Amino acid sequence: MITRLTPQDASFHRLESSSNPMHIGSLAIVRGTSPGQPPLDYDRLVDLVSGRLPLVPRYRRKVREIPFALGRPVWVEDNRFDVGYHVRRSALPTPGTDEQLHDLVARLASRPLDHTRPLWEMYLIEGLSENRLAIFTKTHTALVDGSTALEIGHVILDAGPWPREVADDAWSARREPGEIELLAMALFELAAQPGEALEVVRHASANANALVSTAAKAVDRVVSMVRTAALGTPDSPFNTPTSRNRRFDVVRTELEDYRRIRRRFDCSINDVILAVVTGALRIFLQSRGEVLTESAVLRAVVPMSVYVEGPHGDRLKPASEVSSFLVDLPVGEPNPVMRLSHIAHATEAHARHRRGVRARTLVHMAGFAPASLHAMSVRAASTFAEHTFNLVITNAPGPQQPMYIGGARMLEMYPVSPLLRNQATSIGITSYDGHVFYGLNADRDAMADIGVLSAAVRESMEEMLGACVE
């Protein structure tokens, strides 16, 4: 089956560079299996993934470019698809520490995907202390749209310890089209659809403009600086050209703490999360010697699936869309309650004008996992011009009951969001089973002190909880 990438999918595919791989990552920590079941190992994980691939057929397809760029690339079935190539195993020196795991994840996240094959990888990481395993997945953002294509980590989860049965689709690889066949198909479409021809011309023009001299690039940088100044985007250490290497750190917090703050100040859990992040960013900037006036802000793109509380505050579920907007985080405000108030007013105002990405397929699917929503959030964030914001904060609710992978209970889950161009840090946030998990992905050179930011999240949370009793 040959299908053309949508304009948005194609743009994500072309956005990638060696220093900015455009894949979304997810790290799950699991332990143990149910009585009567074999332990989760590599062979069992391969069998599980193979059985769930019918739910994500695009994971057996790869991207082929059209000769002479006469149209958007196409999805074609990979006639040499090998699940063992995509599901891999790695190990830490036993007993592996969490710090060693995070360093390994950073290295895996740094590597671009192989564009000659389907754009995803999964790693079973063994040797973690306390008899735990880690499963790290990475999927190109062009692959996941939340409707026709979900993230692989979404479908390997089960709500109970016994894996559910999925009907076999008896898949077999079809013949891949040759270059002449792809070219003929593109020429036919151009003749039948003049609009496609205009798109090809625009893309060719964009490619030509990219081949500019060094002097022209310097002028472009100056223009970008002028635009930034005109828009008033704040300067920050989070905006710098990125290297090819990453650092990764995590924070685990309690969901009940956010609910307590929400009840005390009559706001949303989303507002509380942003206020905690804002306080952490303030502490981090001060640790770097930044002088913050009370009016100082950082502008963030905040694509998130809105948390909806149950009637008694006993459960969380995602709304039916992923919303994306720019919000100024008041990092200069010393009072945590005032920071929360500013954010609550800003998000309320943006709620009337936000950009929504429909996600009905996600929220109505059993075994909901937030990895697909984080992928959609990155897509939403990419629609903003890079000079209009300082960092991206993705936020997606997950299930509030235990989930299982091959019978092994999932203990923790952390998003690993990609760095967009000139973004030194991305903050991904996920709630799951009574906890809120932060995944901090950062450029290795620009953010050697990423541990300071993760510690600042905990400090900011303590500050917010202290304000509840004042």
Protein backbone atom coordinates (compact mmCIF):
# COMPACT_ATOMS: atom_id res chain seq x y z
CA MET A 1 0.00 0.00 0.00
CA ILE A 2 1.41 3.38 -1.05
CA THR A 3 0.14 6.54 0.62
CA ARG A 4 1.54 10.02 0.43
CA LEU A 5 2.74 11.81 3.55
CA THR A 6 0.45 14.65 4.56
CA PRO A 7 1.95 18.14 4.23
CA GLN A 8 2.49 18.20 8.01
CA ASP A 9 4.08 14.74 8.08
CA ALA A 10 6.37 15.75 5.23
CA SER A 11 7.42 18.93 7.00
CA PHE A 12 8.41 16.94 10.13
CA HIS A 13 10.33 14.49 7.97
CA ARG A 14 12.26 17.34 6.34
CA LEU A 15 12.82 19.27 9.58
CA GLU A 16 15.25 16.69 10.89
CA SER A 17 18.98 17.41 11.05
CA SER A 18 21.92 15.62 12.64
CA SER A 19 21.75 17.95 15.66
CA ASN A 20 17.94 17.93 15.87
CA PRO A 21 16.57 14.41 15.36
CA MET A 22 12.78 14.64 15.31
CA HIS A 23 11.78 11.58 17.27
CA ILE A 24 9.65 11.38 20.38
CA GLY A 25 10.89 9.08 23.12
CA SER A 26 9.27 7.26 26.02
CA LEU A 27 10.97 5.54 28.95
CA ALA A 28 9.03 2.93 30.95
CA ILE A 29 10.37 1.25 34.09
CA VAL A 30 8.84 -2.17 34.83
CA ARG A 31 9.32 -4.93 37.40
CA GLY A 32 8.08 -8.45 37.99
CA THR A 33 5.50 -10.59 36.26
CA SER A 34 2.27 -12.12 37.45
CA PRO A 35 2.21 -15.65 38.93
CA GLY A 36 2.07 -18.30 36.24
CA GLN A 37 3.65 -16.08 33.59
CA PRO A 38 7.23 -16.24 32.32
CA PRO A 39 9.41 -13.21 33.07
CA LEU A 40 9.56 -10.40 30.56
CA ASP A 41 12.67 -10.88 28.46
CA TYR A 42 13.82 -9.91 24.98
CA ASP A 43 12.13 -12.79 23.15
CA ARG A 44 8.84 -12.17 24.97
CA LEU A 45 8.99 -8.45 24.17
CA VAL A 46 9.61 -9.21 20.47
CA ASP A 47 6.60 -11.55 20.45
CA LEU A 48 4.46 -8.89 22.17
CA VAL A 49 5.45 -6.17 19.71
CA SER A 50 4.94 -8.51 16.73
CA GLY A 51 1.44 -9.33 17.96
CA ARG A 52 0.53 -5.65 18.36
CA LEU A 53 1.89 -4.39 15.02
CA PRO A 54 -1.53 -4.90 13.35
CA LEU A 55 -2.73 -2.01 15.56
CA VAL A 56 -0.04 0.29 14.16
CA PRO A 57 0.41 -0.75 10.50
CA ARG A 58 2.48 2.33 9.69
CA TYR A 59 5.26 0.85 11.86
CA ARG A 60 5.96 -1.60 9.00
CA ARG A 61 6.23 1.15 6.43
CA LYS A 62 9.11 3.39 5.50
CA VAL A 63 9.44 6.73 3.75
CA ARG A 64 10.49 6.94 0.11
CA GLU A 65 11.36 10.19 -1.57
CA ILE A 66 9.96 10.96 -5.02
CA PRO A 67 12.68 11.31 -7.69
CA PHE A 68 13.55 14.94 -8.42
CA ALA A 69 11.35 15.93 -5.46
CA LEU A 70 8.26 15.94 -7.68
CA GLY A 71 5.87 15.62 -4.79
CA ARG A 72 5.73 14.77 -1.13
CA PRO A 73 7.40 11.53 0.02
CA VAL A 74 5.29 8.39 0.31
CA TRP A 75 4.78 5.60 2.86
CA VAL A 76 5.59 2.20 1.36
CA GLU A 77 5.68 -1.22 3.00
CA ASP A 78 9.20 -2.31 3.90
CA ASN A 79 9.73 -5.59 2.04
CA ARG A 80 12.69 -6.42 4.28
CA PHE A 81 10.91 -5.54 7.52
CA ASP A 82 12.60 -7.27 10.45
CA VAL A 83 11.06 -6.75 13.89
CA GLY A 84 14.34 -7.89 15.45
CA TYR A 85 16.09 -4.92 13.85
CA HIS A 86 13.70 -2.48 15.50
CA VAL A 87 13.34 -4.19 18.91
CA ARG A 88 16.81 -4.22 20.44
CA ARG A 89 18.38 -5.09 23.75
CA SER A 90 20.93 -3.31 25.87
CA ALA A 91 22.25 -3.82 29.39
CA LEU A 92 23.69 -1.84 32.25
CA PRO A 93 26.52 -3.20 34.40
CA THR A 94 24.63 -4.99 37.19
CA PRO A 95 23.35 -3.50 39.41
CA GLY A 96 22.72 -0.56 37.09
CA THR A 97 21.87 2.77 38.68
CA ASP A 98 19.21 5.22 37.57
CA GLU A 99 21.97 7.68 36.63
CA GLN A 100 23.53 5.09 34.29
CA LEU A 101 20.10 4.44 32.78
CA HIS A 102 19.54 8.15 32.14
CA ASP A 103 22.96 8.46 30.51
CA LEU A 104 22.15 5.51 28.22
CA VAL A 105 18.77 7.01 27.31
CA ALA A 106 20.50 10.30 26.48
CA ARG A 107 22.88 8.49 24.13
CA LEU A 108 20.08 6.54 22.46
CA ALA A 109 17.99 9.70 22.08
CA SER A 110 20.95 11.44 20.42
CA ARG A 111 21.10 8.99 17.53
CA PRO A 112 18.98 9.71 14.45
CA LEU A 113 16.75 6.94 13.18
CA ASP A 114 17.64 4.97 10.06
CA HIS A 115 15.62 6.62 7.29
CA THR A 116 15.97 3.61 5.00
CA ARG A 117 13.71 1.63 7.35
CA PRO A 118 10.50 2.25 9.32
CA LEU A 119 11.16 5.22 11.62
CA TRP A 120 11.11 3.65 15.09
CA GLU A 121 13.22 1.70 17.57
CA MET A 122 12.58 0.01 20.91
CA TYR A 123 15.19 -1.03 23.49
CA LEU A 124 14.84 -3.52 26.32
CA ILE A 125 17.40 -2.36 28.90
CA GLU A 126 18.42 -5.05 31.38
CA GLY A 127 20.62 -4.98 34.47
CA LEU A 128 18.78 -2.20 36.32
CA SER A 129 18.94 -2.43 40.11
CA GLU A 130 16.13 -3.91 42.23
CA ASN A 131 15.22 -6.44 39.52
CA ARG A 132 13.82 -3.76 37.25
CA LEU A 133 13.82 -3.47 33.46
CA ALA A 134 13.53 -0.39 31.29
CA ILE A 135 11.89 -0.10 27.89
CA PHE A 136 12.88 2.91 25.80
CA THR A 137 11.06 3.64 22.55
CA LYS A 138 11.66 6.34 20.00
CA THR A 139 9.43 7.14 17.07
CA HIS A 140 9.75 9.83 14.43
CA THR A 141 7.12 12.54 14.86
CA ALA A 142 6.15 12.16 11.19
CA LEU A 143 4.92 8.67 12.04
CA VAL A 144 2.40 9.54 14.80
CA ASP A 145 -0.65 11.68 14.10
CA GLY A 146 -2.90 10.42 16.92
CA SER A 147 -5.66 9.38 14.56
CA THR A 148 -4.56 6.96 11.85
CA ALA A 149 -1.23 6.25 13.55
CA LEU A 150 -0.49 5.81 17.26
CA GLU A 151 2.83 5.46 19.09
CA ILE A 152 4.07 1.88 19.59
CA GLY A 153 4.30 2.30 23.37
CA HIS A 154 0.59 3.08 23.29
CA VAL A 155 -0.41 -0.38 22.09
CA ILE A 156 1.96 -2.68 24.01
CA LEU A 157 0.40 -1.60 27.33
CA ASP A 158 -2.37 -3.62 28.95
CA ALA A 159 -4.75 -2.70 31.76
CA GLY A 160 -4.23 -6.09 33.43
CA PRO A 161 -1.35 -8.49 34.00
CA TRP A 162 -2.49 -10.87 31.26
CA PRO A 163 -1.79 -9.51 27.74
CA ARG A 164 -4.93 -9.07 25.68
CA GLU A 165 -5.35 -10.95 22.43
CA VAL A 166 -5.09 -9.04 19.16
CA ALA A 167 -6.31 -10.50 15.89
CA ASP A 168 -3.51 -11.47 13.51
CA ASP A 169 -3.60 -9.62 10.21
CA ALA A 170 -1.49 -12.26 8.37
CA TRP A 171 0.73 -9.50 7.03
CA SER A 172 3.24 -10.17 4.29
CA ALA A 173 5.45 -7.60 2.65
CA ARG A 174 4.43 -6.35 -0.75
CA ARG A 175 6.79 -5.48 -3.55
CA GLU A 176 8.34 -2.06 -3.13
CA PRO A 177 7.82 0.37 -6.02
CA GLY A 178 10.85 1.26 -8.11
CA GLU A 179 12.07 4.77 -8.82
CA ILE A 180 10.41 4.88 -12.24
CA GLU A 181 7.09 3.72 -10.75
CA LEU A 182 7.23 6.44 -8.06
CA LEU A 183 8.09 9.05 -10.67
CA ALA A 184 5.26 7.99 -12.96
CA MET A 185 2.80 8.10 -10.04
CA ALA A 186 3.97 11.60 -9.12
CA LEU A 187 3.68 12.88 -12.70
CA PHE A 188 0.16 11.46 -12.99
CA GLU A 189 -0.89 13.20 -9.77
CA LEU A 190 0.67 16.48 -10.88
CA ALA A 191 -1.31 16.34 -14.11
CA ALA A 192 -4.55 15.46 -12.31
CA GLN A 193 -4.11 17.87 -9.38
CA PRO A 194 -2.65 21.29 -10.25
CA GLY A 195 -2.51 22.14 -6.56
CA GLU A 196 0.14 19.45 -6.08
CA ALA A 197 2.24 21.11 -8.80
CA LEU A 198 2.16 24.40 -6.89
CA GLU A 199 3.32 22.60 -3.77
CA VAL A 200 6.25 21.08 -5.67
CA VAL A 201 7.24 24.52 -6.93
CA ARG A 202 7.11 25.94 -3.40
CA HIS A 203 9.23 23.07 -2.07
CA ALA A 204 11.78 23.48 -4.86
CA SER A 205 11.96 27.19 -4.13
CA ALA A 206 12.55 26.45 -0.45
CA ASN A 207 15.39 24.09 -1.34
CA ALA A 208 16.96 26.69 -3.57
CA ASN A 209 16.78 29.31 -0.87
CA ALA A 210 18.51 26.92 1.51
CA LEU A 211 21.62 26.91 -0.72
CA VAL A 212 22.77 30.36 0.28
CA SER A 213 26.25 31.69 0.89
CA THR A 214 27.83 32.13 4.30
CA ALA A 215 27.32 35.86 4.07
CA ALA A 216 23.62 35.41 3.39
CA LYS A 217 23.32 33.13 6.40
CA ALA A 218 24.90 35.79 8.56
CA VAL A 219 22.36 38.33 7.31
CA ASP A 220 19.58 35.85 8.07
CA ARG A 221 20.80 35.53 11.65
CA VAL A 222 20.74 39.28 12.05
CA VAL A 223 17.19 39.42 10.68
CA SER A 224 16.17 36.73 13.14
CA MET A 225 17.66 38.74 16.01
CA VAL A 226 15.75 41.82 14.90
CA ARG A 227 12.51 39.83 14.73
CA THR A 228 13.12 38.46 18.20
CA ALA A 229 13.69 41.92 19.59
CA ALA A 230 10.56 43.21 17.87
CA LEU A 231 8.45 40.43 19.32
CA GLY A 232 9.94 40.88 22.76
CA THR A 233 10.94 37.22 23.15
CA PRO A 234 13.08 37.10 26.30
CA ASP A 235 16.74 36.17 26.12
CA SER A 236 17.57 32.95 27.95
CA PRO A 237 20.22 30.24 28.20
CA PHE A 238 17.63 27.84 26.79
CA ASN A 239 18.04 29.25 23.28
CA THR A 240 21.26 28.24 21.61
CA PRO A 241 22.36 26.09 18.69
CA THR A 242 22.36 22.45 19.76
CA SER A 243 25.01 19.80 19.45
CA ARG A 244 24.44 16.18 18.42
CA ASN A 245 24.53 14.92 22.01
CA ARG A 246 22.00 14.96 24.83
CA ARG A 247 21.61 14.75 28.59
CA PHE A 248 18.54 13.28 30.25
CA ASP A 249 17.25 13.56 33.79
CA VAL A 250 13.95 12.80 35.52
CA VAL A 251 11.82 13.94 38.43
CA ARG A 252 9.11 11.91 40.18
CA THR A 253 6.44 13.78 42.14
CA GLU A 254 3.11 12.91 43.75
CA LEU A 255 -0.15 13.73 41.98
CA GLU A 256 -1.92 14.29 45.30
CA ASP A 257 0.39 17.26 45.98
CA TYR A 258 -0.86 18.95 42.80
CA ARG A 259 -4.46 18.22 43.76
CA ARG A 260 -3.88 19.72 47.19
CA ILE A 261 -2.56 22.95 45.66
CA ARG A 262 -5.40 22.99 43.12
CA ARG A 263 -8.01 22.74 45.88
CA ARG A 264 -6.29 25.44 47.97
CA PHE A 265 -6.07 28.03 45.21
CA ASP A 266 -9.08 27.06 43.03
CA CYS A 267 -7.23 26.54 39.76
CA SER A 268 -6.51 23.63 37.43
CA ILE A 269 -3.88 20.93 37.76
CA ASN A 270 -2.39 22.21 34.52
CA ASP A 271 -1.92 25.61 36.16
CA VAL A 272 -0.23 24.04 39.18
CA ILE A 273 2.16 22.05 36.98
CA LEU A 274 3.13 25.18 35.05
CA ALA A 275 3.59 27.11 38.30
CA VAL A 276 5.92 24.39 39.63
CA VAL A 277 7.89 24.45 36.37
CA THR A 278 8.07 28.25 36.52
CA GLY A 279 9.46 28.16 40.04
CA ALA A 280 12.02 25.57 38.96
CA LEU A 281 13.11 27.69 36.01
CA ARG A 282 13.47 30.69 38.33
CA ILE A 283 15.72 28.70 40.70
CA PHE A 284 17.75 27.38 37.77
CA LEU A 285 18.31 30.84 36.27
CA GLN A 286 19.39 32.19 39.64
CA SER A 287 21.86 29.31 39.98
CA ARG A 288 23.46 30.56 36.77
CA GLY A 289 23.79 34.07 38.14
CA GLU A 290 20.97 35.53 36.06
CA VAL A 291 19.64 38.81 37.44
CA LEU A 292 15.84 38.57 37.42
CA THR A 293 13.61 41.60 37.71
CA GLU A 294 10.03 41.07 38.90
CA SER A 295 8.80 41.51 35.34
CA ALA A 296 11.14 38.86 33.90
CA VAL A 297 9.42 36.06 31.95
CA LEU A 298 10.22 33.05 29.84
CA ARG A 299 7.92 32.38 26.91
CA ALA A 300 6.93 28.74 26.54
CA VAL A 301 5.01 26.82 23.93
CA VAL A 302 2.63 24.73 26.01
CA PRO A 303 0.97 22.02 23.95
CA MET A 304 -1.00 19.89 26.37
CA SER A 305 -3.95 17.59 26.65
CA VAL A 306 -6.10 19.23 29.27
CA TYR A 307 -6.60 17.30 32.52
CA VAL A 308 -10.24 16.74 33.38
CA GLU A 309 -11.01 15.77 36.98
CA GLY A 310 -13.71 13.29 37.86
CA PRO A 311 -16.74 14.53 39.87
CA HIS A 312 -14.95 13.84 43.15
CA GLY A 313 -11.41 14.59 42.03
CA ASP A 314 -10.76 10.84 41.99
CA ARG A 315 -9.54 10.39 38.44
CA LEU A 316 -7.92 12.19 35.54
CA LYS A 317 -8.67 11.84 31.89
CA PRO A 318 -7.57 13.76 28.79
CA ALA A 319 -9.87 16.06 26.93
CA SER A 320 -10.63 15.36 23.28
CA GLU A 321 -7.95 17.61 21.86
CA VAL A 322 -4.35 18.67 22.28
CA SER A 323 -4.19 22.44 22.69
CA SER A 324 -1.17 24.58 21.95
CA PHE A 325 -0.47 28.16 22.97
CA LEU A 326 2.27 30.58 24.00
CA VAL A 327 2.37 31.58 27.64
CA ASP A 328 4.70 33.89 29.54
CA LEU A 329 6.03 32.18 32.66
CA PRO A 330 6.68 34.81 35.38
CA VAL A 331 10.14 33.62 36.47
CA GLY A 332 10.87 37.04 37.97
CA GLU A 333 7.98 36.86 40.44
CA PRO A 334 9.36 35.82 43.87
CA ASN A 335 5.96 34.88 45.38
CA PRO A 336 4.83 31.36 44.37
CA VAL A 337 1.15 32.20 44.88
CA MET A 338 1.43 35.20 42.57
CA ARG A 339 3.21 33.05 39.99
CA LEU A 340 0.31 30.61 40.09
CA SER A 341 -2.22 33.45 39.82
CA HIS A 342 -0.47 34.94 36.76
CA ILE A 343 -0.38 31.55 35.05
CA ALA A 344 -4.02 30.74 35.86
CA HIS A 345 -5.15 34.04 34.30
CA ALA A 346 -2.94 33.51 31.25
CA THR A 347 -4.14 29.97 30.56
CA GLU A 348 -7.76 31.00 31.03
CA ALA A 349 -7.33 33.74 28.45
CA HIS A 350 -5.56 31.43 26.02
CA ALA A 351 -8.23 28.75 26.42
CA ARG A 352 -10.54 30.88 24.29
CA HIS A 353 -8.03 31.16 21.45
CA ARG A 354 -5.91 28.02 21.60
CA ARG A 355 -5.06 25.85 18.64
CA GLY A 356 -6.64 22.42 18.99
CA VAL A 357 -5.46 19.12 17.54
CA ARG A 358 -8.16 16.48 17.66
CA ALA A 359 -7.27 13.34 19.56
CA ARG A 360 -10.49 11.35 19.75
CA THR A 361 -8.81 8.14 18.68
CA LEU A 362 -6.48 8.41 21.65
CA VAL A 363 -8.87 9.23 24.43
CA HIS A 364 -11.40 6.56 23.56
CA MET A 365 -8.86 3.77 23.18
CA ALA A 366 -8.47 1.16 25.93
CA GLY A 367 -5.01 1.12 27.49
CA PHE A 368 -4.48 4.83 26.87
CA ALA A 369 -0.86 5.89 27.16
CA PRO A 370 0.39 9.48 26.85
CA ALA A 371 3.25 8.78 24.43
CA SER A 372 1.00 9.44 21.42
CA LEU A 373 -0.21 12.71 22.94
CA HIS A 374 3.37 13.84 23.54
CA ALA A 375 4.13 13.14 19.88
CA MET A 376 1.12 15.21 18.86
CA SER A 377 2.21 17.94 21.26
CA VAL A 378 5.60 18.20 19.56
CA ARG A 379 3.82 18.48 16.21
CA ALA A 380 1.68 21.29 17.60
CA ALA A 381 4.72 23.10 19.03
CA SER A 382 6.48 22.93 15.67
CA THR A 383 3.83 25.16 14.12
CA PHE A 384 5.22 28.18 16.02
CA ALA A 385 8.11 30.17 14.60
CA GLU A 386 11.29 29.38 16.53
CA HIS A 387 12.04 33.00 17.42
CA THR A 388 8.74 33.40 19.28
CA PHE A 389 9.42 31.20 22.33
CA ASN A 390 12.15 30.05 24.72
CA LEU A 391 11.24 26.43 25.42
CA VAL A 392 8.62 23.72 24.94
CA ILE A 393 6.72 22.09 27.81
CA THR A 394 4.61 19.08 26.80
CA ASN A 395 2.08 17.79 29.27
CA ALA A 396 -0.16 14.73 28.86
CA PRO A 397 -2.19 12.78 31.41
CA GLY A 398 -1.80 9.04 31.60
CA PRO A 399 -3.85 6.26 33.20
CA GLN A 400 -4.34 6.43 36.96
CA GLN A 401 -4.34 2.67 37.46
CA PRO A 402 -1.45 0.21 37.08
CA MET A 403 -0.55 -0.77 33.53
CA TYR A 404 1.43 -3.79 32.33
CA ILE A 405 3.84 -4.66 29.54
CA GLY A 406 3.99 -8.38 28.85
CA GLY A 407 2.73 -9.08 32.36
CA ALA A 408 5.34 -6.84 34.02
CA ARG A 409 3.88 -3.96 36.01
CA MET A 410 4.93 -0.51 34.84
CA LEU A 411 6.26 1.53 37.76
CA GLU A 412 7.24 4.78 36.07
CA MET A 413 6.92 6.42 32.67
CA TYR A 414 8.89 9.41 31.40
CA PRO A 415 8.51 11.31 28.12
CA VAL A 416 11.64 12.18 26.14
CA SER A 417 10.63 15.08 23.91
CA PRO A 418 12.96 16.17 21.09
CA LEU A 419 14.78 19.48 21.02
CA LEU A 420 13.51 21.84 18.35
CA ARG A 421 15.93 24.08 16.54
CA ASN A 422 17.88 26.36 18.91
CA GLN A 423 16.14 24.83 21.93
CA ALA A 424 18.61 23.58 24.56
CA THR A 425 15.96 21.96 26.77
CA SER A 426 12.57 20.31 26.47
CA ILE A 427 10.38 19.41 29.43
CA GLY A 428 7.96 16.51 29.07
CA ILE A 429 5.43 15.77 31.83
CA THR A 430 3.19 12.74 32.29
CA SER A 431 0.89 11.62 35.09
CA TYR A 432 0.50 7.92 35.81
CA ASP A 433 -0.85 5.84 38.70
CA GLY A 434 -0.85 8.64 41.28
CA HIS A 435 2.43 10.25 40.24
CA VAL A 436 3.58 13.05 37.95
CA PHE A 437 6.77 12.23 36.03
CA TYR A 438 9.09 14.80 34.45
CA GLY A 439 11.47 13.92 31.61
CA LEU A 440 14.12 16.60 31.03
CA ASN A 441 15.87 16.25 27.66
CA ALA A 442 18.71 18.70 27.12
CA ASP A 443 21.68 19.52 24.94
CA ARG A 444 24.81 17.97 26.43
CA ASP A 445 27.04 21.03 25.88
CA ALA A 446 24.60 23.81 26.74
CA MET A 447 22.98 22.09 29.76
CA ALA A 448 25.75 20.38 31.70
CA ASP A 449 23.86 21.46 34.83
CA ILE A 450 20.55 19.78 33.94
CA GLY A 451 20.64 18.13 37.38
CA VAL A 452 20.21 21.58 38.92
CA LEU A 453 16.94 21.99 37.01
CA SER A 454 15.61 18.59 38.12
CA ALA A 455 16.46 19.40 41.75
CA ALA A 456 14.79 22.79 41.29
CA VAL A 457 11.51 21.07 40.35
CA ARG A 458 11.44 19.38 43.76
CA GLU A 459 12.37 22.63 45.49
CA SER A 460 9.66 24.52 43.63
CA MET A 461 7.08 21.90 44.62
CA GLU A 462 8.06 22.24 48.29
CA GLU A 463 7.69 26.01 47.96
CA MET A 464 4.18 25.65 46.51
CA LEU A 465 3.15 23.19 49.23
CA GLY A 466 4.49 25.57 51.88
CA ALA A 467 2.28 28.31 50.44
CA CYS A 468 -0.76 26.07 51.03
CA VAL A 469 -0.34 26.24 54.79
CA GLU A 470 0.46 29.92 55.11
